[in-house]
Amino acid sequence: MSATKITLLKSVSIFQGLDESILTILATQLKESRYDAREVIFREGTPADAFYIVDSGEVVISKALGPMNEKTLAVLGPGSVFGEMAFFSDSPRTAKASVRTGSTLLKIERADFMNFISTEPQAGLRILSGLLQVSMDRLEQTSRELATIYQTGKLISSGKELAVIARSVMDELLLAVPDAGKCAFYIYNEYNQDYDPLAAPDGSLEIPEFQTDLRKIKSSTEEFPNLEVFKGAKSLLTAPILKNDKMLGFLALWNMERPGAFRNSHRLLLLSVAGQLAEAIENIKHQQEERDMKRLNDSKMSY
């Protein structure tokens, strides 16, 4: 098992470049744990006494927003580390960690890692520097996502026409996810029972030039299919806009040149923005209908 642990450590960014002799010592500090699907690893508010490496499966990091509501902050796969703040603060855990599928994790307890640093200070400080960089990257990503969600919230509540809001929301998404390159907002048309691209009044919205088959899109709160919908995209993210299990439309981000352009954090951001739109889109449409009716009545009164 030691050789397997060393192989895993070599794949993790914070350990890359360390001598195999150092990794061998570190591997002896790793404690393996197996978790069943949806099992909790640690809860928000519990003592932070270790950090973890995902060997297999998926780990969900979430934050409680109320007694019955949680927000997913990240979904981590093999080679990811989490819980690293245990080595920078004595504060309790600020989020919950649970497994989405059956998973195997390797845990390094604070006391064991401190002993490792005392015997291998140079390697220990290098690992701590890597853990700090992981935390800073996540903080930067979270700040960017919060700024995007704040801006999209302001746009949605602006009272502007839906097409204008759509254009601005897509601009915000492209700023937050620069690797996307392309973005589209499709809305369900009840009259032709199809998904129509929602363009700004000046027609500036770029719609995919490659073939699409929107009939393949199904309503799903778990996994929204994002393959074989946009032909030709090297990387693609989609998020359904759902309200009361009714699909009102969907958002799409894609890259025509590079596979693997998106991370789980990008997917979660797109889902969050889609959720904002789901809450507001019917109200926006209602307001638009009222404006149209007022224009119609005003035009009748002018004759």
C-alpha atoms as a PDB file:
ATOM      1  CA  MET A   1       0.000   0.000   0.000  1.00  0.00           C
ATOM      2  CA  SER A   2       2.962   2.314   0.654  1.00  0.00           C
ATOM      3  CA  ALA A   3       3.880   2.312  -3.050  1.00  0.00           C
ATOM      4  CA  THR A   4       0.279   3.211  -3.922  1.00  0.00           C
ATOM      5  CA  LYS A   5       0.344   6.084  -1.442  1.00  0.00           C
ATOM      6  CA  ILE A   6       3.599   7.397  -2.912  1.00  0.00           C
ATOM      7  CA  THR A   7       2.120   7.254  -6.416  1.00  0.00           C
ATOM      8  CA  LEU A   8      -0.859   9.298  -5.222  1.00  0.00           C
ATOM      9  CA  LEU A   9       1.379  11.855  -3.496  1.00  0.00           C
ATOM     10  CA  LYS A  10       3.338  12.341  -6.717  1.00  0.00           C
ATOM     11  CA  SER A  11       0.090  13.260  -8.503  1.00  0.00           C
ATOM     12  CA  VAL A  12      -0.831  15.963  -5.964  1.00  0.00           C
ATOM     13  CA  SER A  13       0.465  19.439  -6.806  1.00  0.00           C
ATOM     14  CA  ILE A  14       1.623  20.341  -3.285  1.00  0.00           C
ATOM     15  CA  PHE A  15       3.952  17.319  -3.152  1.00  0.00           C
ATOM     16  CA  GLN A  16       5.376  17.494  -6.667  1.00  0.00           C
ATOM     17  CA  GLY A  17       9.132  17.959  -6.821  1.00  0.00           C
ATOM     18  CA  LEU A  18       9.806  16.339  -3.455  1.00  0.00           C
ATOM     19  CA  ASP A  19      12.345  13.504  -3.283  1.00  0.00           C
ATOM     20  CA  GLU A  20      10.920   9.996  -3.157  1.00  0.00           C
ATOM     21  CA  SER A  21      12.666   9.457   0.191  1.00  0.00           C
ATOM     22  CA  ILE A  22      10.642  12.359   1.611  1.00  0.00           C
ATOM     23  CA  LEU A  23       7.417  11.027   0.094  1.00  0.00           C
ATOM     24  CA  THR A  24       8.159   7.621   1.613  1.00  0.00           C
ATOM     25  CA  ILE A  25       8.402   9.182   5.081  1.00  0.00           C
ATOM     26  CA  LEU A  26       5.260  11.205   4.487  1.00  0.00           C
ATOM     27  CA  ALA A  27       3.362   8.141   3.253  1.00  0.00           C
ATOM     28  CA  THR A  28       3.807   6.538   6.668  1.00  0.00           C
ATOM     29  CA  GLN A  29       1.794   9.431   8.158  1.00  0.00           C
ATOM     30  CA  LEU A  30      -1.207   8.870   5.873  1.00  0.00           C
ATOM     31  CA  LYS A  31      -4.246   7.121   7.315  1.00  0.00           C
ATOM     32  CA  GLU A  32      -6.641   5.551   4.836  1.00  0.00           C
ATOM     33  CA  SER A  33     -10.404   5.818   5.343  1.00  0.00           C
ATOM     34  CA  ARG A  34     -13.272   4.542   3.187  1.00  0.00           C
ATOM     35  CA  TYR A  35     -16.641   6.281   3.032  1.00  0.00           C
ATOM     36  CA  ASP A  36     -19.981   5.224   1.628  1.00  0.00           C
ATOM     37  CA  ALA A  37     -21.987   7.476  -0.692  1.00  0.00           C
ATOM     38  CA  ARG A  38     -23.346  10.611   1.059  1.00  0.00           C
ATOM     39  CA  GLU A  39     -21.430   9.850   4.260  1.00  0.00           C
ATOM     40  CA  VAL A  40     -20.203  12.906   6.174  1.00  0.00           C
ATOM     41  CA  ILE A  41     -16.434  13.326   6.655  1.00  0.00           C
ATOM     42  CA  PHE A  42     -16.649  16.339   8.965  1.00  0.00           C
ATOM     43  CA  ARG A  43     -19.279  18.927   9.791  1.00  0.00           C
ATOM     44  CA  GLU A  44     -19.175  22.693   9.990  1.00  0.00           C
ATOM     45  CA  GLY A  45     -18.144  23.821  13.469  1.00  0.00           C
ATOM     46  CA  THR A  46     -16.196  20.677  14.397  1.00  0.00           C
ATOM     47  CA  PRO A  47     -12.486  20.888  15.340  1.00  0.00           C
ATOM     48  CA  ALA A  48     -10.063  21.170  12.414  1.00  0.00           C
ATOM     49  CA  ASP A  49      -7.360  18.639  13.218  1.00  0.00           C
ATOM     50  CA  ALA A  50      -6.367  17.158   9.837  1.00  0.00           C
ATOM     51  CA  PHE A  51      -6.362  17.633   6.095  1.00  0.00           C
ATOM     52  CA  TYR A  52      -7.333  15.076   3.472  1.00  0.00           C
ATOM     53  CA  ILE A  53      -6.330  13.822   0.026  1.00  0.00           C
ATOM     54  CA  VAL A  54      -8.932  12.269  -2.265  1.00  0.00           C
ATOM     55  CA  ASP A  55      -7.657   8.896  -3.489  1.00  0.00           C
ATOM     56  CA  SER A  56     -10.865   7.851  -5.274  1.00  0.00           C
ATOM     57  CA  GLY A  57     -14.458   9.042  -5.553  1.00  0.00           C
ATOM     58  CA  GLU A  58     -15.823  12.573  -5.133  1.00  0.00           C
ATOM     59  CA  VAL A  59     -16.022  14.872  -2.115  1.00  0.00           C
ATOM     60  CA  VAL A  60     -18.594  17.668  -1.798  1.00  0.00           C
ATOM     61  CA  ILE A  61     -17.741  20.773   0.233  1.00  0.00           C
ATOM     62  CA  SER A  62     -20.891  22.615   1.302  1.00  0.00           C
ATOM     63  CA  LYS A  63     -21.975  25.498   3.531  1.00  0.00           C
ATOM     64  CA  ALA A  64     -25.164  25.679   5.597  1.00  0.00           C
ATOM     65  CA  LEU A  65     -27.395  28.614   4.590  1.00  0.00           C
ATOM     66  CA  GLY A  66     -30.174  27.754   7.025  1.00  0.00           C
ATOM     67  CA  PRO A  67     -31.699  24.815   8.913  1.00  0.00           C
ATOM     68  CA  MET A  68     -32.841  23.100   5.691  1.00  0.00           C
ATOM     69  CA  ASN A  69     -30.623  24.626   3.032  1.00  0.00           C
ATOM     70  CA  GLU A  70     -27.029  24.041   1.947  1.00  0.00           C
ATOM     71  CA  LYS A  71     -24.895  25.526  -0.826  1.00  0.00           C
ATOM     72  CA  THR A  72     -22.326  23.401  -2.613  1.00  0.00           C
ATOM     73  CA  LEU A  73     -18.981  25.220  -2.663  1.00  0.00           C
ATOM     74  CA  ALA A  74     -16.868  22.636  -4.466  1.00  0.00           C
ATOM     75  CA  VAL A  75     -16.835  19.094  -5.801  1.00  0.00           C
ATOM     76  CA  LEU A  76     -13.373  17.515  -5.531  1.00  0.00           C
ATOM     77  CA  GLY A  77     -12.022  14.482  -7.361  1.00  0.00           C
ATOM     78  CA  PRO A  78      -8.932  12.240  -7.025  1.00  0.00           C
ATOM     79  CA  GLY A  79      -5.711  14.095  -6.253  1.00  0.00           C
ATOM     80  CA  SER A  80      -7.517  17.017  -4.594  1.00  0.00           C
ATOM     81  CA  VAL A  81      -6.729  18.185  -1.078  1.00  0.00           C
ATOM     82  CA  PHE A  82      -9.175  19.735   1.384  1.00  0.00           C
ATOM     83  CA  GLY A  83      -9.378  20.696   5.033  1.00  0.00           C
ATOM     84  CA  GLU A  84      -5.967  22.386   4.722  1.00  0.00           C
ATOM     85  CA  MET A  85      -6.950  25.295   6.959  1.00  0.00           C
ATOM     86  CA  ALA A  86      -6.398  22.926   9.904  1.00  0.00           C
ATOM     87  CA  PHE A  87      -2.697  23.851   9.656  1.00  0.00           C
ATOM     88  CA  PHE A  88      -3.181  27.611   9.555  1.00  0.00           C
ATOM     89  CA  SER A  89      -5.844  28.181  12.192  1.00  0.00           C
ATOM     90  CA  ASP A  90      -7.259  26.627  15.343  1.00  0.00           C
ATOM     91  CA  SER A  91     -10.737  27.767  14.309  1.00  0.00           C
ATOM     92  CA  PRO A  92     -13.478  25.160  13.790  1.00  0.00           C
ATOM     93  CA  ARG A  93     -14.359  23.876  10.319  1.00  0.00           C
ATOM     94  CA  THR A  94     -16.119  26.539   8.259  1.00  0.00           C
ATOM     95  CA  ALA A  95     -17.871  24.070   5.930  1.00  0.00           C
ATOM     96  CA  LYS A  96     -19.100  20.492   5.748  1.00  0.00           C
ATOM     97  CA  ALA A  97     -17.368  17.752   3.754  1.00  0.00           C
ATOM     98  CA  SER A  98     -19.207  14.656   2.563  1.00  0.00           C
ATOM     99  CA  VAL A  99     -18.715  12.096  -0.182  1.00  0.00           C
ATOM    100  CA  ARG A 100     -20.937  12.007  -3.260  1.00  0.00           C
ATOM    101  CA  THR A 101     -19.983   8.439  -4.181  1.00  0.00           C
ATOM    102  CA  GLY A 102     -18.132   5.681  -2.390  1.00  0.00           C
ATOM    103  CA  SER A 103     -14.702   7.187  -1.762  1.00  0.00           C
ATOM    104  CA  THR A 104     -11.273   6.469  -0.355  1.00  0.00           C
ATOM    105  CA  LEU A 105      -9.461   9.281   1.442  1.00  0.00           C
ATOM    106  CA  LEU A 106      -6.026   9.661   2.956  1.00  0.00           C
ATOM    107  CA  LYS A 107      -5.842  11.775   6.102  1.00  0.00           C
ATOM    108  CA  ILE A 108      -2.849  13.585   7.614  1.00  0.00           C
ATOM    109  CA  GLU A 109      -3.452  14.613  11.210  1.00  0.00           C
ATOM    110  CA  ARG A 110      -2.045  17.876  12.498  1.00  0.00           C
ATOM    111  CA  ALA A 111       0.116  16.234  15.196  1.00  0.00           C
ATOM    112  CA  ASP A 112       1.668  13.779  12.719  1.00  0.00           C
ATOM    113  CA  PHE A 113       2.387  16.532  10.196  1.00  0.00           C
ATOM    114  CA  MET A 114       3.988  18.736  12.840  1.00  0.00           C
ATOM    115  CA  ASN A 115       6.266  15.828  13.763  1.00  0.00           C
ATOM    116  CA  PHE A 116       7.134  15.467  10.077  1.00  0.00           C
ATOM    117  CA  ILE A 117       8.033  19.174   9.878  1.00  0.00           C
ATOM    118  CA  SER A 118      10.286  18.874  12.928  1.00  0.00           C
ATOM    119  CA  THR A 119      12.296  16.121  11.216  1.00  0.00           C
ATOM    120  CA  GLU A 120      12.057  17.443   7.638  1.00  0.00           C
ATOM    121  CA  PRO A 121      11.655  21.225   8.029  1.00  0.00           C
ATOM    122  CA  GLN A 122      12.562  22.165   4.447  1.00  0.00           C
ATOM    123  CA  ALA A 123      10.073  19.730   2.900  1.00  0.00           C
ATOM    124  CA  GLY A 124       7.460  20.599   5.512  1.00  0.00           C
ATOM    125  CA  LEU A 125       7.653  24.316   4.774  1.00  0.00           C
ATOM    126  CA  ARG A 126       7.430  23.588   1.054  1.00  0.00           C
ATOM    127  CA  ILE A 127       4.234  21.581   1.604  1.00  0.00           C
ATOM    128  CA  LEU A 128       2.794  24.301   3.850  1.00  0.00           C
ATOM    129  CA  SER A 129       3.517  26.841   1.120  1.00  0.00           C
ATOM    130  CA  GLY A 130       1.630  24.638  -1.344  1.00  0.00           C
ATOM    131  CA  LEU A 131      -1.315  24.305   1.034  1.00  0.00           C
ATOM    132  CA  LEU A 132      -1.388  28.079   1.487  1.00  0.00           C
ATOM    133  CA  GLN A 133      -1.455  28.530  -2.297  1.00  0.00           C
ATOM    134  CA  VAL A 134      -4.393  26.101  -2.541  1.00  0.00           C
ATOM    135  CA  SER A 135      -6.263  28.149   0.069  1.00  0.00           C
ATOM    136  CA  MET A 136      -5.475  31.431  -1.679  1.00  0.00           C
ATOM    137  CA  ASP A 137      -6.594  30.071  -5.056  1.00  0.00           C
ATOM    138  CA  ARG A 138      -9.890  28.896  -3.559  1.00  0.00           C
ATOM    139  CA  LEU A 139     -10.412  32.233  -1.813  1.00  0.00           C
ATOM    140  CA  GLU A 140      -9.769  34.097  -5.076  1.00  0.00           C
ATOM    141  CA  GLN A 141     -12.178  31.835  -6.958  1.00  0.00           C
ATOM    142  CA  THR A 142     -14.841  32.245  -4.259  1.00  0.00           C
ATOM    143  CA  SER A 143     -14.436  36.035  -4.327  1.00  0.00           C
ATOM    144  CA  ARG A 144     -14.794  36.052  -8.121  1.00  0.00           C
ATOM    145  CA  GLU A 145     -17.914  33.894  -7.945  1.00  0.00           C
ATOM    146  CA  LEU A 146     -19.492  36.038  -5.212  1.00  0.00           C
ATOM    147  CA  ALA A 147     -18.805  39.171  -7.258  1.00  0.00           C
ATOM    148  CA  THR A 148     -20.417  37.564 -10.318  1.00  0.00           C
ATOM    149  CA  ILE A 149     -23.481  36.425  -8.372  1.00  0.00           C
ATOM    150  CA  TYR A 150     -23.803  39.895  -6.821  1.00  0.00           C
ATOM    151  CA  GLN A 151     -23.596  41.584 -10.228  1.00  0.00           C
ATOM    152  CA  THR A 152     -26.063  39.194 -11.854  1.00  0.00           C
ATOM    153  CA  GLY A 153     -28.441  39.758  -8.946  1.00  0.00           C
ATOM    154  CA  LYS A 154     -28.300  43.515  -9.558  1.00  0.00           C
ATOM    155  CA  LEU A 155     -28.911  42.991 -13.276  1.00  0.00           C
ATOM    156  CA  ILE A 156     -31.886  40.720 -12.689  1.00  0.00           C
ATOM    157  CA  SER A 157     -33.510  43.224 -10.323  1.00  0.00           C
ATOM    158  CA  SER A 158     -32.847  46.179 -12.642  1.00  0.00           C
ATOM    159  CA  GLY A 159     -36.272  46.005 -14.286  1.00  0.00           C
ATOM    160  CA  LYS A 160     -34.783  45.913 -17.777  1.00  0.00           C
ATOM    161  CA  GLU A 161     -36.058  43.698 -20.572  1.00  0.00           C
ATOM    162  CA  LEU A 162     -35.095  40.044 -20.337  1.00  0.00           C
ATOM    163  CA  ALA A 163     -33.024  40.129 -23.546  1.00  0.00           C
ATOM    164  CA  VAL A 164     -30.958  43.055 -22.240  1.00  0.00           C
ATOM    165  CA  ILE A 165     -30.438  41.340 -18.885  1.00  0.00           C
ATOM    166  CA  ALA A 166     -29.430  38.136 -20.686  1.00  0.00           C
ATOM    167  CA  ARG A 167     -26.710  39.942 -22.632  1.00  0.00           C
ATOM    168  CA  SER A 168     -25.297  41.551 -19.480  1.00  0.00           C
ATOM    169  CA  VAL A 169     -25.445  38.290 -17.482  1.00  0.00           C
ATOM    170  CA  MET A 170     -23.515  36.513 -20.220  1.00  0.00           C
ATOM    171  CA  ASP A 171     -20.903  39.274 -20.236  1.00  0.00           C
ATOM    172  CA  GLU A 172     -20.472  38.785 -16.472  1.00  0.00           C
ATOM    173  CA  LEU A 173     -20.069  35.026 -16.936  1.00  0.00           C
ATOM    174  CA  LEU A 174     -17.408  35.466 -19.612  1.00  0.00           C
ATOM    175  CA  LEU A 175     -15.491  37.797 -17.281  1.00  0.00           C
ATOM    176  CA  ALA A 176     -15.711  35.262 -14.435  1.00  0.00           C
ATOM    177  CA  VAL A 177     -14.783  32.295 -16.664  1.00  0.00           C
ATOM    178  CA  PRO A 178     -12.335  33.700 -19.249  1.00  0.00           C
ATOM    179  CA  ASP A 179     -11.516  30.199 -20.542  1.00  0.00           C
ATOM    180  CA  ALA A 180     -15.054  29.896 -21.867  1.00  0.00           C
ATOM    181  CA  GLY A 181     -14.749  32.212 -24.845  1.00  0.00           C
ATOM    182  CA  LYS A 182     -18.402  31.679 -25.783  1.00  0.00           C
ATOM    183  CA  CYS A 183     -21.688  31.923 -23.902  1.00  0.00           C
ATOM    184  CA  ALA A 184     -25.373  31.538 -24.767  1.00  0.00           C
ATOM    185  CA  PHE A 185     -28.718  31.824 -23.005  1.00  0.00           C
ATOM    186  CA  TYR A 186     -31.592  29.772 -24.395  1.00  0.00           C
ATOM    187  CA  ILE A 187     -35.148  30.213 -23.199  1.00  0.00           C
ATOM    188  CA  TYR A 188     -38.076  27.851 -23.652  1.00  0.00           C
ATOM    189  CA  ASN A 189     -40.691  29.061 -26.120  1.00  0.00           C
ATOM    190  CA  GLU A 190     -44.115  27.736 -25.141  1.00  0.00           C
ATOM    191  CA  TYR A 191     -45.554  28.521 -28.582  1.00  0.00           C
ATOM    192  CA  ASN A 192     -43.211  26.387 -30.688  1.00  0.00           C
ATOM    193  CA  GLN A 193     -42.125  24.158 -27.757  1.00  0.00           C
ATOM    194  CA  ASP A 194     -38.468  24.709 -28.530  1.00  0.00           C
ATOM    195  CA  TYR A 195     -35.482  26.524 -27.024  1.00  0.00           C
ATOM    196  CA  ASP A 196     -34.783  29.907 -28.593  1.00  0.00           C
ATOM    197  CA  PRO A 197     -31.522  31.857 -28.256  1.00  0.00           C
ATOM    198  CA  LEU A 198     -32.197  35.050 -26.357  1.00  0.00           C
ATOM    199  CA  ALA A 199     -30.288  37.823 -28.147  1.00  0.00           C
ATOM    200  CA  ALA A 200     -29.919  41.474 -27.209  1.00  0.00           C
ATOM    201  CA  PRO A 201     -31.964  43.948 -29.299  1.00  0.00           C
ATOM    202  CA  ASP A 202     -28.918  44.820 -31.429  1.00  0.00           C
ATOM    203  CA  GLY A 203     -28.482  41.161 -32.333  1.00  0.00           C
ATOM    204  CA  SER A 204     -24.951  41.079 -30.945  1.00  0.00           C
ATOM    205  CA  LEU A 205     -25.319  37.734 -29.170  1.00  0.00           C
ATOM    206  CA  GLU A 206     -23.110  35.094 -30.752  1.00  0.00           C
ATOM    207  CA  ILE A 207     -25.031  31.870 -31.287  1.00  0.00           C
ATOM    208  CA  PRO A 208     -23.176  28.610 -31.953  1.00  0.00           C
ATOM    209  CA  GLU A 209     -22.452  28.111 -35.638  1.00  0.00           C
ATOM    210  CA  PHE A 210     -22.106  24.359 -35.256  1.00  0.00           C
ATOM    211  CA  GLN A 211     -25.074  22.007 -35.313  1.00  0.00           C
ATOM    212  CA  THR A 212     -27.177  21.649 -32.211  1.00  0.00           C
ATOM    213  CA  ASP A 213     -29.877  19.236 -31.231  1.00  0.00           C
ATOM    214  CA  LEU A 214     -31.680  20.927 -28.372  1.00  0.00           C
ATOM    215  CA  ARG A 215     -34.240  18.134 -28.222  1.00  0.00           C
ATOM    216  CA  LYS A 216     -31.606  16.052 -26.449  1.00  0.00           C
ATOM    217  CA  ILE A 217     -31.754  18.372 -23.473  1.00  0.00           C
ATOM    218  CA  LYS A 218     -33.685  16.897 -20.575  1.00  0.00           C
ATOM    219  CA  SER A 219     -34.779  18.522 -17.344  1.00  0.00           C
ATOM    220  CA  SER A 220     -32.674  17.237 -14.474  1.00  0.00           C
ATOM    221  CA  THR A 221     -31.688  18.669 -11.116  1.00  0.00           C
ATOM    222  CA  GLU A 222     -28.830  16.186 -10.698  1.00  0.00           C
ATOM    223  CA  GLU A 223     -26.856  15.920 -13.917  1.00  0.00           C
ATOM    224  CA  PHE A 224     -27.626  18.167 -16.853  1.00  0.00           C
ATOM    225  CA  PRO A 225     -26.353  16.553 -20.071  1.00  0.00           C
ATOM    226  CA  ASN A 226     -23.605  18.660 -21.589  1.00  0.00           C
ATOM    227  CA  LEU A 227     -22.255  16.298 -24.237  1.00  0.00           C
ATOM    228  CA  GLU A 228     -23.305  15.933 -27.858  1.00  0.00           C
ATOM    229  CA  VAL A 229     -25.589  18.951 -27.614  1.00  0.00           C
ATOM    230  CA  PHE A 230     -23.204  21.491 -29.117  1.00  0.00           C
ATOM    231  CA  LYS A 231     -21.360  19.755 -31.934  1.00  0.00           C
ATOM    232  CA  GLY A 232     -17.751  20.859 -32.265  1.00  0.00           C
ATOM    233  CA  ALA A 233     -17.148  22.230 -28.772  1.00  0.00           C
ATOM    234  CA  LYS A 234     -13.962  20.962 -27.143  1.00  0.00           C
ATOM    235  CA  SER A 235     -15.217  21.925 -23.669  1.00  0.00           C
ATOM    236  CA  LEU A 236     -18.797  22.617 -22.686  1.00  0.00           C
ATOM    237  CA  LEU A 237     -20.761  23.482 -19.554  1.00  0.00           C
ATOM    238  CA  THR A 238     -24.537  23.719 -19.387  1.00  0.00           C
ATOM    239  CA  ALA A 239     -26.918  24.537 -16.554  1.00  0.00           C
ATOM    240  CA  PRO A 240     -30.723  24.174 -16.616  1.00  0.00           C
ATOM    241  CA  ILE A 241     -32.904  27.071 -15.522  1.00  0.00           C
ATOM    242  CA  LEU A 242     -35.523  25.258 -13.453  1.00  0.00           C
ATOM    243  CA  LYS A 243     -38.527  26.577 -11.568  1.00  0.00           C
ATOM    244  CA  ASN A 244     -40.855  24.152  -9.757  1.00  0.00           C
ATOM    245  CA  ASP A 245     -39.417  21.280 -11.839  1.00  0.00           C
ATOM    246  CA  LYS A 246     -40.283  23.184 -15.016  1.00  0.00           C
ATOM    247  CA  MET A 247     -37.403  23.915 -17.361  1.00  0.00           C
ATOM    248  CA  LEU A 248     -37.507  27.563 -18.423  1.00  0.00           C
ATOM    249  CA  GLY A 249     -34.276  27.481 -20.405  1.00  0.00           C
ATOM    250  CA  PHE A 250     -30.561  26.879 -19.972  1.00  0.00           C
ATOM    251  CA  LEU A 251     -27.171  28.578 -19.917  1.00  0.00           C
ATOM    252  CA  ALA A 252     -24.156  27.324 -21.851  1.00  0.00           C
ATOM    253  CA  LEU A 253     -20.440  28.104 -21.770  1.00  0.00           C
ATOM    254  CA  TRP A 254     -18.057  26.513 -24.246  1.00  0.00           C
ATOM    255  CA  ASN A 255     -14.543  26.517 -25.638  1.00  0.00           C
ATOM    256  CA  MET A 256     -14.008  25.580 -29.283  1.00  0.00           C
ATOM    257  CA  GLU A 257     -10.263  24.918 -29.008  1.00  0.00           C
ATOM    258  CA  ARG A 258      -9.240  23.326 -25.703  1.00  0.00           C
ATOM    259  CA  PRO A 259     -10.551  20.213 -23.912  1.00  0.00           C
ATOM    260  CA  GLY A 260     -10.801  20.373 -20.125  1.00  0.00           C
ATOM    261  CA  ALA A 261     -11.156  24.162 -20.039  1.00  0.00           C
ATOM    262  CA  PHE A 262     -13.587  24.148 -17.121  1.00  0.00           C
ATOM    263  CA  ARG A 263     -13.389  23.203 -13.447  1.00  0.00           C
ATOM    264  CA  ASN A 264     -16.060  22.104 -10.994  1.00  0.00           C
ATOM    265  CA  SER A 265     -16.074  25.633  -9.576  1.00  0.00           C
ATOM    266  CA  HIS A 266     -17.121  26.947 -13.001  1.00  0.00           C
ATOM    267  CA  ARG A 267     -19.977  24.436 -13.122  1.00  0.00           C
ATOM    268  CA  LEU A 268     -21.156  25.471  -9.662  1.00  0.00           C
ATOM    269  CA  LEU A 269     -21.014  29.148 -10.632  1.00  0.00           C
ATOM    270  CA  LEU A 270     -23.097  28.489 -13.752  1.00  0.00           C
ATOM    271  CA  LEU A 271     -25.645  26.563 -11.691  1.00  0.00           C
ATOM    272  CA  SER A 272     -25.828  29.422  -9.171  1.00  0.00           C
ATOM    273  CA  VAL A 273     -26.479  32.000 -11.893  1.00  0.00           C
ATOM    274  CA  ALA A 274     -29.058  29.682 -13.485  1.00  0.00           C
ATOM    275  CA  GLY A 275     -30.739  29.448 -10.090  1.00  0.00           C
ATOM    276  CA  GLN A 276     -30.874  33.236  -9.845  1.00  0.00           C
ATOM    277  CA  LEU A 277     -32.459  33.433 -13.277  1.00  0.00           C
ATOM    278  CA  ALA A 278     -34.965  30.720 -12.392  1.00  0.00           C
ATOM    279  CA  GLU A 279     -36.187  32.755  -9.445  1.00  0.00           C
ATOM    280  CA  ALA A 280     -36.519  35.944 -11.473  1.00  0.00           C
ATOM    281  CA  ILE A 281     -37.347  34.969 -15.050  1.00  0.00           C
ATOM    282  CA  GLU A 282     -41.111  34.581 -14.609  1.00  0.00           C
ATOM    283  CA  ASN A 283     -41.318  37.925 -12.827  1.00  0.00           C
ATOM    284  CA  ILE A 284     -39.275  39.547 -15.603  1.00  0.00           C
ATOM    285  CA  LYS A 285     -41.577  38.073 -18.232  1.00  0.00           C
ATOM    286  CA  HIS A 286     -44.611  39.300 -16.309  1.00  0.00           C
ATOM    287  CA  GLN A 287     -43.156  42.803 -16.108  1.00  0.00           C
ATOM    288  CA  GLN A 288     -42.426  42.680 -19.840  1.00  0.00           C
ATOM    289  CA  GLU A 289     -46.008  41.650 -20.557  1.00  0.00           C
ATOM    290  CA  GLU A 290     -47.275  44.581 -18.480  1.00  0.00           C
ATOM    291  CA  ARG A 291     -45.044  47.006 -20.412  1.00  0.00           C
ATOM    292  CA  ASP A 292     -46.231  45.554 -23.728  1.00  0.00           C
ATOM    293  CA  MET A 293     -49.848  45.871 -22.629  1.00  0.00           C
ATOM    294  CA  LYS A 294     -49.283  49.484 -21.570  1.00  0.00           C
ATOM    295  CA  ARG A 295     -47.727  50.314 -24.954  1.00  0.00           C
ATOM    296  CA  LEU A 296     -50.673  48.668 -26.701  1.00  0.00           C
ATOM    297  CA  ASN A 297     -53.199  50.610 -24.628  1.00  0.00           C
ATOM    298  CA  ASP A 298     -51.290  53.862 -25.170  1.00  0.00           C
ATOM    299  CA  SER A 299     -51.250  53.280 -28.911  1.00  0.00           C
ATOM    300  CA  LYS A 300     -55.004  52.664 -28.941  1.00  0.00           C
ATOM    301  CA  MET A 301     -55.626  55.863 -26.984  1.00  0.00           C
ATOM    302  CA  SER A 302     -53.598  57.879 -29.506  1.00  0.00           C
ATOM    303  CA  TYR A 303     -56.134  57.136 -32.305  1.00  0.00           C
END
